[in-house]
Amino acid sequence: MNSVSLIGNLASDVQRKEVGEHKLLATFLLAVDRFGGEQADFVPIVAWEKQAELCDRYLSKGKRVGIAGRLRSRSWEEEGKRRTVVDVVAHQVEFLSPPNGRGAEADIPFEAAVA
């Protein structure tokens, strides 16, 4: 089983990209507090298509979100060294921060789930 659930705050703004033939990708870094709150783990999050569009529109650095998804591992060669990254591909993103009146964000409910 490959299932991940995380709650944390965005440690970066959402980066939006078009990949291939009009396929939308959004990425951001999620800071997840460790038990005790003295340290955080920083987890790269990837969202696709409609989820990517909504994340780009409504999320920004510091916003609190819940993520449900799966782990994905990618590897490549760079300057003769093998690089590997593990990220989370989001299946569901739940907005946990209240709207702050920024643009269209004021129109979404407090705990809007992005399906």
PDB file of N, CA and C in Angstrom:
ATOM      1  N   MET A   1       0.846  -1.164   0.000  1.00  0.00           N
ATOM      2  CA  MET A   1       0.000   0.000   0.000  1.00  0.00           C
ATOM      3  C   MET A   1       0.895   1.233   0.000  1.00  0.00           C
ATOM      4  N   ASN A   2       0.587   2.208  -0.840  1.00  0.00           N
ATOM      5  CA  ASN A   2       1.350   3.450  -0.953  1.00  0.00           C
ATOM      6  C   ASN A   2       0.387   4.599  -0.702  1.00  0.00           C
ATOM      7  N   SER A   3       0.294   5.024   0.557  1.00  0.00           N
ATOM      8  CA  SER A   3      -0.651   6.069   0.948  1.00  0.00           C
ATOM      9  C   SER A   3       0.000   6.984   1.976  1.00  0.00           C
ATOM     10  N   VAL A   4      -0.142   8.304   1.771  1.00  0.00           N
ATOM     11  CA  VAL A   4       0.459   9.295   2.654  1.00  0.00           C
ATOM     12  C   VAL A   4      -0.591  10.331   3.018  1.00  0.00           C
ATOM     13  N   SER A   5      -0.646  10.698   4.301  1.00  0.00           N
ATOM     14  CA  SER A   5      -1.499  11.798   4.760  1.00  0.00           C
ATOM     15  C   SER A   5      -0.629  12.749   5.568  1.00  0.00           C
ATOM     16  N   LEU A   6      -0.662  14.029   5.207  1.00  0.00           N
ATOM     17  CA  LEU A   6       0.159  15.034   5.863  1.00  0.00           C
ATOM     18  C   LEU A   6      -0.659  16.291   6.139  1.00  0.00           C
ATOM     19  N   ILE A   7      -0.324  16.973   7.226  1.00  0.00           N
ATOM     20  CA  ILE A   7      -0.863  18.304   7.497  1.00  0.00           C
ATOM     21  C   ILE A   7       0.333  19.193   7.794  1.00  0.00           C
ATOM     22  N   GLY A   8       0.368  20.342   7.141  1.00  0.00           N
ATOM     23  CA  GLY A   8       1.477  21.260   7.356  1.00  0.00           C
ATOM     24  C   GLY A   8       1.205  22.604   6.717  1.00  0.00           C
ATOM     25  N   ASN A   9       2.241  23.436   6.697  1.00  0.00           N
ATOM     26  CA  ASN A   9       2.151  24.769   6.107  1.00  0.00           C
ATOM     27  C   ASN A   9       3.044  24.834   4.881  1.00  0.00           C
ATOM     28  N   LEU A  10       2.600  25.557   3.867  1.00  0.00           N
ATOM     29  CA  LEU A  10       3.421  25.728   2.681  1.00  0.00           C
ATOM     30  C   LEU A  10       4.694  26.472   3.043  1.00  0.00           C
ATOM     31  N   ALA A  11       5.830  25.897   2.707  1.00  0.00           N
ATOM     32  CA  ALA A  11       7.131  26.520   2.958  1.00  0.00           C
ATOM     33  C   ALA A  11       7.597  27.285   1.731  1.00  0.00           C
ATOM     34  N   SER A  12       6.822  27.219   0.653  1.00  0.00           N
ATOM     35  CA  SER A  12       7.138  27.961  -0.573  1.00  0.00           C
ATOM     36  C   SER A  12       5.833  28.292  -1.281  1.00  0.00           C
ATOM     37  N   ASP A  13       5.885  29.275  -2.147  1.00  0.00           N
ATOM     38  CA  ASP A  13       4.737  29.545  -3.000  1.00  0.00           C
ATOM     39  C   ASP A  13       4.603  28.413  -4.007  1.00  0.00           C
ATOM     40  N   VAL A  14       3.418  28.270  -4.566  1.00  0.00           N
ATOM     41  CA  VAL A  14       3.140  27.246  -5.566  1.00  0.00           C
ATOM     42  C   VAL A  14       3.818  27.639  -6.881  1.00  0.00           C
ATOM     43  N   GLN A  15       4.516  26.674  -7.478  1.00  0.00           N
ATOM     44  CA  GLN A  15       5.127  26.859  -8.794  1.00  0.00           C
ATOM     45  C   GLN A  15       4.272  26.135  -9.814  1.00  0.00           C
ATOM     46  N   ARG A  16       3.802  26.849 -10.829  1.00  0.00           N
ATOM     47  CA  ARG A  16       2.910  26.292 -11.844  1.00  0.00           C
ATOM     48  C   ARG A  16       3.677  26.116 -13.149  1.00  0.00           C
ATOM     49  N   LYS A  17       3.481  24.947 -13.809  1.00  0.00           N
ATOM     50  CA  LYS A  17       4.123  24.671 -15.098  1.00  0.00           C
ATOM     51  C   LYS A  17       3.138  23.977 -16.013  1.00  0.00           C
ATOM     52  N   GLU A  18       3.283  24.209 -17.313  1.00  0.00           N
ATOM     53  CA  GLU A  18       2.559  23.418 -18.305  1.00  0.00           C
ATOM     54  C   GLU A  18       3.524  22.343 -18.794  1.00  0.00           C
ATOM     55  N   VAL A  19       3.084  21.101 -18.758  1.00  0.00           N
ATOM     56  CA  VAL A  19       3.915  19.969 -19.155  1.00  0.00           C
ATOM     57  C   VAL A  19       3.244  19.289 -20.341  1.00  0.00           C
ATOM     58  N   GLY A  20       4.012  19.077 -21.380  1.00  0.00           N
ATOM     59  CA  GLY A  20       3.459  18.391 -22.551  1.00  0.00           C
ATOM     60  C   GLY A  20       2.323  19.169 -23.180  1.00  0.00           C
ATOM     61  N   GLU A  21       1.352  18.458 -23.664  1.00  0.00           N
ATOM     62  CA  GLU A  21       0.204  19.034 -24.370  1.00  0.00           C
ATOM     63  C   GLU A  21      -0.842  19.555 -23.388  1.00  0.00           C
ATOM     64  N   HIS A  22      -0.626  20.753 -22.872  1.00  0.00           N
ATOM     65  CA  HIS A  22      -1.579  21.451 -21.998  1.00  0.00           C
ATOM     66  C   HIS A  22      -1.884  20.704 -20.701  1.00  0.00           C
ATOM     67  N   LYS A  23      -0.910  19.995 -20.160  1.00  0.00           N
ATOM     68  CA  LYS A  23      -1.081  19.306 -18.886  1.00  0.00           C
ATOM     69  C   LYS A  23      -0.487  20.187 -17.791  1.00  0.00           C
ATOM     70  N   LEU A  24      -1.290  20.552 -16.801  1.00  0.00           N
ATOM     71  CA  LEU A  24      -0.879  21.493 -15.766  1.00  0.00           C
ATOM     72  C   LEU A  24      -0.275  20.762 -14.565  1.00  0.00           C
ATOM     73  N   LEU A  25       0.841  21.300 -14.060  1.00  0.00           N
ATOM     74  CA  LEU A  25       1.563  20.754 -12.915  1.00  0.00           C
ATOM     75  C   LEU A  25       1.797  21.875 -11.916  1.00  0.00           C
ATOM     76  N   ALA A  26       1.554  21.611 -10.641  1.00  0.00           N
ATOM     77  CA  ALA A  26       1.870  22.567  -9.578  1.00  0.00           C
ATOM     78  C   ALA A  26       2.719  21.848  -8.540  1.00  0.00           C
ATOM     79  N   THR A  27       3.758  22.530  -8.073  1.00  0.00           N
ATOM     80  CA  THR A  27       4.622  21.964  -7.047  1.00  0.00           C
ATOM     81  C   THR A  27       4.803  22.980  -5.931  1.00  0.00           C
ATOM     82  N   PHE A  28       4.974  22.467  -4.713  1.00  0.00           N
ATOM     83  CA  PHE A  28       5.280  23.321  -3.573  1.00  0.00           C
ATOM     84  C   PHE A  28       5.915  22.476  -2.489  1.00  0.00           C
ATOM     85  N   LEU A  29       6.528  23.143  -1.543  1.00  0.00           N
ATOM     86  CA  LEU A  29       7.195  22.488  -0.428  1.00  0.00           C
ATOM     87  C   LEU A  29       6.307  22.613   0.805  1.00  0.00           C
ATOM     88  N   LEU A  30       6.037  21.498   1.474  1.00  0.00           N
ATOM     89  CA  LEU A  30       5.198  21.477   2.667  1.00  0.00           C
ATOM     90  C   LEU A  30       6.066  21.252   3.895  1.00  0.00           C
ATOM     91  N   ALA A  31       5.952  22.139   4.883  1.00  0.00           N
ATOM     92  CA  ALA A  31       6.664  21.987   6.156  1.00  0.00           C
ATOM     93  C   ALA A  31       5.738  21.256   7.122  1.00  0.00           C
ATOM     94  N   VAL A  32       6.181  20.088   7.569  1.00  0.00           N
ATOM     95  CA  VAL A  32       5.404  19.257   8.489  1.00  0.00           C
ATOM     96  C   VAL A  32       6.164  19.193   9.807  1.00  0.00           C
ATOM     97  N   ASP A  33       5.543  19.687  10.884  1.00  0.00           N
ATOM     98  CA  ASP A  33       6.193  19.690  12.195  1.00  0.00           C
ATOM     99  C   ASP A  33       6.381  18.272  12.702  1.00  0.00           C
ATOM    100  N   ARG A  34       7.527  18.034  13.314  1.00  0.00           N
ATOM    101  CA  ARG A  34       7.755  16.768  14.006  1.00  0.00           C
ATOM    102  C   ARG A  34       7.119  16.851  15.378  1.00  0.00           C
ATOM    103  N   PHE A  35       6.956  15.701  16.006  1.00  0.00           N
ATOM    104  CA  PHE A  35       6.387  15.656  17.351  1.00  0.00           C
ATOM    105  C   PHE A  35       7.199  16.562  18.268  1.00  0.00           C
ATOM    106  N   GLY A  36       6.545  17.413  19.004  1.00  0.00           N
ATOM    107  CA  GLY A  36       7.231  18.352  19.880  1.00  0.00           C
ATOM    108  C   GLY A  36       7.381  19.726  19.252  1.00  0.00           C
ATOM    109  N   GLY A  37       7.245  19.805  17.916  1.00  0.00           N
ATOM    110  CA  GLY A  37       7.239  21.074  17.226  1.00  0.00           C
ATOM    111  C   GLY A  37       8.559  21.806  17.126  1.00  0.00           C
ATOM    112  N   GLU A  38       9.673  21.167  17.506  1.00  0.00           N
ATOM    113  CA  GLU A  38      10.952  21.871  17.471  1.00  0.00           C
ATOM    114  C   GLU A  38      11.639  21.780  16.116  1.00  0.00           C
ATOM    115  N   GLN A  39      11.267  20.810  15.299  1.00  0.00           N
ATOM    116  CA  GLN A  39      11.848  20.646  13.970  1.00  0.00           C
ATOM    117  C   GLN A  39      10.736  20.355  12.979  1.00  0.00           C
ATOM    118  N   ALA A  40      11.033  20.594  11.716  1.00  0.00           N
ATOM    119  CA  ALA A  40      10.059  20.297  10.662  1.00  0.00           C
ATOM    120  C   ALA A  40      10.737  19.485   9.568  1.00  0.00           C
ATOM    121  N   ASP A  41       9.948  18.671   8.899  1.00  0.00           N
ATOM    122  CA  ASP A  41      10.393  17.990   7.692  1.00  0.00           C
ATOM    123  C   ASP A  41       9.796  18.748   6.515  1.00  0.00           C
ATOM    124  N   PHE A  42      10.559  18.891   5.440  1.00  0.00           N
ATOM    125  CA  PHE A  42      10.107  19.613   4.255  1.00  0.00           C
ATOM    126  C   PHE A  42       9.880  18.604   3.139  1.00  0.00           C
ATOM    127  N   VAL A  43       8.622  18.508   2.704  1.00  0.00           N
ATOM    128  CA  VAL A  43       8.209  17.474   1.763  1.00  0.00           C
ATOM    129  C   VAL A  43       7.768  18.121   0.453  1.00  0.00           C
ATOM    130  N   PRO A  44       8.380  17.734  -0.676  1.00  0.00           N
ATOM    131  CA  PRO A  44       7.926  18.250  -1.965  1.00  0.00           C
ATOM    132  C   PRO A  44       6.575  17.636  -2.329  1.00  0.00           C
ATOM    133  N   ILE A  45       5.633  18.491  -2.741  1.00  0.00           N
ATOM    134  CA  ILE A  45       4.288  18.056  -3.122  1.00  0.00           C
ATOM    135  C   ILE A  45       4.075  18.359  -4.600  1.00  0.00           C
ATOM    136  N   VAL A  46       3.427  17.439  -5.302  1.00  0.00           N
ATOM    137  CA  VAL A  46       3.118  17.587  -6.722  1.00  0.00           C
ATOM    138  C   VAL A  46       1.610  17.412  -6.895  1.00  0.00           C
ATOM    139  N   ALA A  47       0.986  18.341  -7.616  1.00  0.00           N
ATOM    140  CA  ALA A  47      -0.432  18.226  -7.942  1.00  0.00           C
ATOM    141  C   ALA A  47      -0.592  18.387  -9.457  1.00  0.00           C
ATOM    142  N   TRP A  48      -1.576  17.702 -10.027  1.00  0.00           N
ATOM    143  CA  TRP A  48      -1.788  17.722 -11.475  1.00  0.00           C
ATOM    144  C   TRP A  48      -3.170  18.258 -11.816  1.00  0.00           C
ATOM    145  N   GLU A  49      -3.291  18.790 -13.024  1.00  0.00           N
ATOM    146  CA  GLU A  49      -4.531  19.206 -13.664  1.00  0.00           C
ATOM    147  C   GLU A  49      -5.389  20.126 -12.802  1.00  0.00           C
ATOM    148  N   LYS A  50      -6.643  19.764 -12.520  1.00  0.00           N
ATOM    149  CA  LYS A  50      -7.556  20.637 -11.773  1.00  0.00           C
ATOM    150  C   LYS A  50      -7.008  20.939 -10.378  1.00  0.00           C
ATOM    151  N   GLN A  51      -6.428  19.935  -9.721  1.00  0.00           N
ATOM    152  CA  GLN A  51      -5.830  20.166  -8.404  1.00  0.00           C
ATOM    153  C   GLN A  51      -4.727  21.211  -8.498  1.00  0.00           C
ATOM    154  N   ALA A  52      -3.906  21.116  -9.540  1.00  0.00           N
ATOM    155  CA  ALA A  52      -2.816  22.067  -9.743  1.00  0.00           C
ATOM    156  C   ALA A  52      -3.370  23.478  -9.925  1.00  0.00           C
ATOM    157  N   GLU A  53      -4.420  23.598 -10.708  1.00  0.00           N
ATOM    158  CA  GLU A  53      -5.042  24.904 -10.950  1.00  0.00           C
ATOM    159  C   GLU A  53      -5.564  25.522  -9.656  1.00  0.00           C
ATOM    160  N   LEU A  54      -6.248  24.742  -8.839  1.00  0.00           N
ATOM    161  CA  LEU A  54      -6.804  25.256  -7.591  1.00  0.00           C
ATOM    162  C   LEU A  54      -5.719  25.573  -6.565  1.00  0.00           C
ATOM    163  N   CYS A  55      -4.688  24.747  -6.505  1.00  0.00           N
ATOM    164  CA  CYS A  55      -3.570  25.036  -5.597  1.00  0.00           C
ATOM    165  C   CYS A  55      -2.890  26.339  -5.994  1.00  0.00           C
ATOM    166  N   ASP A  56      -2.659  26.517  -7.292  1.00  0.00           N
ATOM    167  CA  ASP A  56      -2.025  27.740  -7.775  1.00  0.00           C
ATOM    168  C   ASP A  56      -2.879  28.965  -7.466  1.00  0.00           C
ATOM    169  N   ARG A  57      -4.175  28.832  -7.599  1.00  0.00           N
ATOM    170  CA  ARG A  57      -5.079  29.961  -7.395  1.00  0.00           C
ATOM    171  C   ARG A  57      -5.238  30.341  -5.927  1.00  0.00           C
ATOM    172  N   TYR A  58      -5.338  29.352  -5.030  1.00  0.00           N
ATOM    173  CA  TYR A  58      -5.744  29.633  -3.654  1.00  0.00           C
ATOM    174  C   TYR A  58      -4.656  29.491  -2.596  1.00  0.00           C
ATOM    175  N   LEU A  59      -3.540  28.863  -2.923  1.00  0.00           N
ATOM    176  CA  LEU A  59      -2.522  28.626  -1.905  1.00  0.00           C
ATOM    177  C   LEU A  59      -1.317  29.538  -2.081  1.00  0.00           C
ATOM    178  N   SER A  60      -0.682  29.862  -0.978  1.00  0.00           N
ATOM    179  CA  SER A  60       0.559  30.641  -0.985  1.00  0.00           C
ATOM    180  C   SER A  60       1.357  30.255   0.259  1.00  0.00           C
ATOM    181  N   LYS A  61       2.601  30.691   0.283  1.00  0.00           N
ATOM    182  CA  LYS A  61       3.497  30.372   1.389  1.00  0.00           C
ATOM    183  C   LYS A  61       2.836  30.706   2.729  1.00  0.00           C
ATOM    184  N   GLY A  62       2.928  29.754   3.679  1.00  0.00           N
ATOM    185  CA  GLY A  62       2.376  29.946   5.011  1.00  0.00           C
ATOM    186  C   GLY A  62       0.992  29.356   5.210  1.00  0.00           C
ATOM    187  N   LYS A  63       0.256  29.088   4.112  1.00  0.00           N
ATOM    188  CA  LYS A  63      -1.088  28.522   4.230  1.00  0.00           C
ATOM    189  C   LYS A  63      -1.010  27.097   4.767  1.00  0.00           C
ATOM    190  N   ARG A  64      -1.996  26.721   5.580  1.00  0.00           N
ATOM    191  CA  ARG A  64      -2.074  25.383   6.171  1.00  0.00           C
ATOM    192  C   ARG A  64      -2.953  24.504   5.286  1.00  0.00           C
ATOM    193  N   VAL A  65      -2.455  23.290   4.982  1.00  0.00           N
ATOM    194  CA  VAL A  65      -3.198  22.360   4.142  1.00  0.00           C
ATOM    195  C   VAL A  65      -3.065  20.935   4.663  1.00  0.00           C
ATOM    196  N   GLY A  66      -4.032  20.125   4.291  1.00  0.00           N
ATOM    197  CA  GLY A  66      -3.958  18.684   4.492  1.00  0.00           C
ATOM    198  C   GLY A  66      -3.771  18.040   3.127  1.00  0.00           C
ATOM    199  N   ILE A  67      -2.891  17.070   3.044  1.00  0.00           N
ATOM    200  CA  ILE A  67      -2.588  16.397   1.776  1.00  0.00           C
ATOM    201  C   ILE A  67      -2.812  14.907   1.942  1.00  0.00           C
ATOM    202  N   ALA A  68      -3.524  14.316   1.005  1.00  0.00           N
ATOM    203  CA  ALA A  68      -3.621  12.855   0.904  1.00  0.00           C
ATOM    204  C   ALA A  68      -3.073  12.488  -0.463  1.00  0.00           C
ATOM    205  N   GLY A  69      -2.169  11.516  -0.503  1.00  0.00           N
ATOM    206  CA  GLY A  69      -1.574  11.156  -1.781  1.00  0.00           C
ATOM    207  C   GLY A  69      -0.734   9.910  -1.686  1.00  0.00           C
ATOM    208  N   ARG A  70       0.235   9.818  -2.605  1.00  0.00           N
ATOM    209  CA  ARG A  70       1.119   8.645  -2.655  1.00  0.00           C
ATOM    210  C   ARG A  70       2.558   9.104  -2.835  1.00  0.00           C
ATOM    211  N   LEU A  71       3.490   8.292  -2.361  1.00  0.00           N
ATOM    212  CA  LEU A  71       4.910   8.574  -2.541  1.00  0.00           C
ATOM    213  C   LEU A  71       5.333   8.238  -3.968  1.00  0.00           C
ATOM    214  N   ARG A  72       6.256   9.046  -4.503  1.00  0.00           N
ATOM    215  CA  ARG A  72       6.831   8.781  -5.817  1.00  0.00           C
ATOM    216  C   ARG A  72       8.333   9.061  -5.726  1.00  0.00           C
ATOM    217  N   SER A  73       9.114   8.140  -6.231  1.00  0.00           N
ATOM    218  CA  SER A  73      10.568   8.285  -6.228  1.00  0.00           C
ATOM    219  C   SER A  73      11.047   8.501  -7.662  1.00  0.00           C
ATOM    220  N   ARG A  74      11.949   9.472  -7.837  1.00  0.00           N
ATOM    221  CA  ARG A  74      12.527   9.749  -9.156  1.00  0.00           C
ATOM    222  C   ARG A  74      14.043   9.821  -9.016  1.00  0.00           C
ATOM    223  N   SER A  75      14.756   9.311 -10.029  1.00  0.00           N
ATOM    224  CA  SER A  75      16.223   9.348 -10.031  1.00  0.00           C
ATOM    225  C   SER A  75      16.722   9.833 -11.379  1.00  0.00           C
ATOM    226  N   TRP A  76      17.911  10.486 -11.379  1.00  0.00           N
ATOM    227  CA  TRP A  76      18.546  10.946 -12.598  1.00  0.00           C
ATOM    228  C   TRP A  76      20.032  11.141 -12.340  1.00  0.00           C
ATOM    229  N   GLU A  77      20.791  11.243 -13.428  1.00  0.00           N
ATOM    230  CA  GLU A  77      22.228  11.506 -13.356  1.00  0.00           C
ATOM    231  C   GLU A  77      22.453  13.002 -13.543  1.00  0.00           C
ATOM    232  N   GLU A  78      23.292  13.583 -12.688  1.00  0.00           N
ATOM    233  CA  GLU A  78      23.639  14.994 -12.802  1.00  0.00           C
ATOM    234  C   GLU A  78      25.104  15.169 -12.451  1.00  0.00           C
ATOM    235  N   GLU A  79      25.880  15.653 -13.394  1.00  0.00           N
ATOM    236  CA  GLU A  79      27.306  15.864 -13.205  1.00  0.00           C
ATOM    237  C   GLU A  79      28.009  14.602 -12.688  1.00  0.00           C
ATOM    238  N   GLY A  80      27.626  13.461 -13.253  1.00  0.00           N
ATOM    239  CA  GLY A  80      28.256  12.204 -12.893  1.00  0.00           C
ATOM    240  C   GLY A  80      27.783  11.593 -11.582  1.00  0.00           C
ATOM    241  N   LYS A  81      26.831  12.228 -10.917  1.00  0.00           N
ATOM    242  CA  LYS A  81      26.311  11.706  -9.649  1.00  0.00           C
ATOM    243  C   LYS A  81      24.839  11.330  -9.808  1.00  0.00           C
ATOM    244  N   ARG A  82      24.477  10.275  -9.125  1.00  0.00           N
ATOM    245  CA  ARG A  82      23.084   9.816  -9.131  1.00  0.00           C
ATOM    246  C   ARG A  82      22.298  10.639  -8.124  1.00  0.00           C
ATOM    247  N   ARG A  83      21.206  11.268  -8.563  1.00  0.00           N
ATOM    248  CA  ARG A  83      20.331  12.069  -7.704  1.00  0.00           C
ATOM    249  C   ARG A  83      18.982  11.359  -7.582  1.00  0.00           C
ATOM    250  N   THR A  84      18.411  11.393  -6.381  1.00  0.00           N
ATOM    251  CA  THR A  84      17.110  10.788  -6.127  1.00  0.00           C
ATOM    252  C   THR A  84      16.290  11.734  -5.271  1.00  0.00           C
ATOM    253  N   VAL A  85      15.030  11.852  -5.592  1.00  0.00           N
ATOM    254  CA  VAL A  85      14.111  12.649  -4.782  1.00  0.00           C
ATOM    255  C   VAL A  85      12.828  11.837  -4.586  1.00  0.00           C
ATOM    256  N   VAL A  86      12.263  11.943  -3.400  1.00  0.00           N
ATOM    257  CA  VAL A  86      10.972  11.334  -3.098  1.00  0.00           C
ATOM    258  C   VAL A  86      10.004  12.476  -2.844  1.00  0.00           C
ATOM    259  N   ASP A  87       8.887  12.493  -3.577  1.00  0.00           N
ATOM    260  CA  ASP A  87       7.875  13.512  -3.360  1.00  0.00           C
ATOM    261  C   ASP A  87       6.522  12.855  -3.146  1.00  0.00           C
ATOM    262  N   VAL A  88       5.520  13.668  -2.865  1.00  0.00           N
ATOM    263  CA  VAL A  88       4.160  13.172  -2.670  1.00  0.00           C
ATOM    264  C   VAL A  88       3.304  13.690  -3.813  1.00  0.00           C
ATOM    265  N   VAL A  89       2.662  12.787  -4.525  1.00  0.00           N
ATOM    266  CA  VAL A  89       1.703  13.157  -5.557  1.00  0.00           C
ATOM    267  C   VAL A  89       0.348  13.255  -4.866  1.00  0.00           C
ATOM    268  N   ALA A  90      -0.204  14.469  -4.839  1.00  0.00           N
ATOM    269  CA  ALA A  90      -1.447  14.732  -4.103  1.00  0.00           C
ATOM    270  C   ALA A  90      -2.658  14.205  -4.864  1.00  0.00           C
ATOM    271  N   HIS A  91      -3.502  13.459  -4.170  1.00  0.00           N
ATOM    272  CA  HIS A  91      -4.791  13.039  -4.697  1.00  0.00           C
ATOM    273  C   HIS A  91      -5.883  13.959  -4.174  1.00  0.00           C
ATOM    274  N   GLN A  92      -5.652  14.491  -2.966  1.00  0.00           N
ATOM    275  CA  GLN A  92      -6.614  15.401  -2.349  1.00  0.00           C
ATOM    276  C   GLN A  92      -5.845  16.465  -1.570  1.00  0.00           C
ATOM    277  N   VAL A  93      -6.289  17.708  -1.720  1.00  0.00           N
ATOM    278  CA  VAL A  93      -5.713  18.827  -0.988  1.00  0.00           C
ATOM    279  C   VAL A  93      -6.852  19.516  -0.254  1.00  0.00           C
ATOM    280  N   GLU A  94      -6.714  19.637   1.059  1.00  0.00           N
ATOM    281  CA  GLU A  94      -7.752  20.296   1.857  1.00  0.00           C
ATOM    282  C   GLU A  94      -7.187  21.601   2.400  1.00  0.00           C
ATOM    283  N   PHE A  95      -7.866  22.706   2.085  1.00  0.00           N
ATOM    284  CA  PHE A  95      -7.439  24.024   2.550  1.00  0.00           C
ATOM    285  C   PHE A  95      -7.846  24.182   4.008  1.00  0.00           C
ATOM    286  N   LEU A  96      -6.888  24.402   4.886  1.00  0.00           N
ATOM    287  CA  LEU A  96      -7.167  24.494   6.320  1.00  0.00           C
ATOM    288  C   LEU A  96      -7.015  25.910   6.871  1.00  0.00           C
ATOM    289  N   SER A  97      -6.414  26.823   6.121  1.00  0.00           N
ATOM    290  CA  SER A  97      -6.301  28.214   6.560  1.00  0.00           C
ATOM    291  C   SER A  97      -7.564  28.966   6.156  1.00  0.00           C
ATOM    292  N   PRO A  98      -8.015  29.866   7.016  1.00  0.00           N
ATOM    293  CA  PRO A  98      -9.182  30.663   6.633  1.00  0.00           C
ATOM    294  C   PRO A  98      -8.818  31.603   5.489  1.00  0.00           C
ATOM    295  N   PRO A  99      -9.796  31.949   4.650  1.00  0.00           N
ATOM    296  CA  PRO A  99      -9.530  32.900   3.574  1.00  0.00           C
ATOM    297  C   PRO A  99      -9.097  34.241   4.151  1.00  0.00           C
ATOM    298  N   ASN A 100      -8.223  34.926   3.441  1.00  0.00           N
ATOM    299  CA  ASN A 100      -7.760  36.229   3.925  1.00  0.00           C
ATOM    300  C   ASN A 100      -8.235  37.370   3.047  1.00  0.00           C
ATOM    301  N   GLY A 101      -9.192  37.092   2.170  1.00  0.00           N
ATOM    302  CA  GLY A 101      -9.737  38.144   1.324  1.00  0.00           C
ATOM    303  C   GLY A 101      -8.904  38.428   0.095  1.00  0.00           C
ATOM    304  N   ARG A 102      -7.849  37.635  -0.150  1.00  0.00           N
ATOM    305  CA  ARG A 102      -6.987  37.851  -1.318  1.00  0.00           C
ATOM    306  C   ARG A 102      -7.672  37.340  -2.576  1.00  0.00           C
ATOM    307  N   GLY A 103      -8.136  38.226  -3.407  1.00  0.00           N
ATOM    308  CA  GLY A 103      -8.731  37.866  -4.697  1.00  0.00           C
ATOM    309  C   GLY A 103      -9.855  36.875  -4.564  1.00  0.00           C
ATOM    310  N   ALA A 104      -9.847  35.863  -5.404  1.00  0.00           N
ATOM    311  CA  ALA A 104     -10.915  34.869  -5.439  1.00  0.00           C
ATOM    312  C   ALA A 104     -10.905  33.971  -4.213  1.00  0.00           C
ATOM    313  N   GLU A 105      -9.828  34.001  -3.411  1.00  0.00           N
ATOM    314  CA  GLU A 105      -9.728  33.134  -2.238  1.00  0.00           C
ATOM    315  C   GLU A 105     -10.879  33.406  -1.267  1.00  0.00           C
ATOM    316  N   ALA A 106     -11.385  34.635  -1.225  1.00  0.00           N
ATOM    317  CA  ALA A 106     -12.480  34.976  -0.321  1.00  0.00           C
ATOM    318  C   ALA A 106     -13.745  34.208  -0.682  1.00  0.00           C
ATOM    319  N   ASP A 107     -13.802  33.653  -1.902  1.00  0.00           N
ATOM    320  CA  ASP A 107     -14.985  32.937  -2.359  1.00  0.00           C
ATOM    321  C   ASP A 107     -15.007  31.472  -1.959  1.00  0.00           C
ATOM    322  N   ILE A 108     -13.904  30.918  -1.440  1.00  0.00           N
ATOM    323  CA  ILE A 108     -13.876  29.502  -1.104  1.00  0.00           C
ATOM    324  C   ILE A 108     -14.247  29.292   0.352  1.00  0.00           C
ATOM    325  N   PRO A 109     -14.907  28.184   0.681  1.00  0.00           N
ATOM    326  CA  PRO A 109     -15.220  27.886   2.072  1.00  0.00           C
ATOM    327  C   PRO A 109     -13.952  27.633   2.875  1.00  0.00           C
ATOM    328  N   PHE A 110     -14.027  27.799   4.189  1.00  0.00           N
ATOM    329  CA  PHE A 110     -12.890  27.661   5.086  1.00  0.00           C
ATOM    330  C   PHE A 110     -12.183  26.324   4.932  1.00  0.00           C
ATOM    331  N   GLU A 111     -12.930  25.229   4.888  1.00  0.00           N
ATOM    332  CA  GLU A 111     -12.310  23.902   4.772  1.00  0.00           C
ATOM    333  C   GLU A 111     -12.684  23.270   3.439  1.00  0.00           C
ATOM    334  N   ALA A 112     -12.360  23.941   2.355  1.00  0.00           N
ATOM    335  CA  ALA A 112     -12.690  23.437   1.020  1.00  0.00           C
ATOM    336  C   ALA A 112     -11.768  22.294   0.660  1.00  0.00           C
ATOM    337  N   ALA A 113     -12.348  21.210   0.228  1.00  0.00           N
ATOM    338  CA  ALA A 113     -11.552  20.078  -0.244  1.00  0.00           C
ATOM    339  C   ALA A 113     -11.420  20.190  -1.747  1.00  0.00           C
ATOM    340  N   VAL A 114     -10.246  19.963  -2.249  1.00  0.00           N
ATOM    341  CA  VAL A 114     -10.003  19.937  -3.678  1.00  0.00           C
ATOM    342  C   VAL A 114      -9.996  18.490  -4.092  1.00  0.00           C
ATOM    343  N   ALA A 115     -10.964  18.087  -4.859  1.00  0.00           N
ATOM    344  CA  ALA A 115     -11.059  16.670  -5.240  1.00  0.00           C
ATOM    345  C   ALA A 115     -10.536  16.439  -6.637  1.00  0.00           C
TER     346      ALA A 115
END
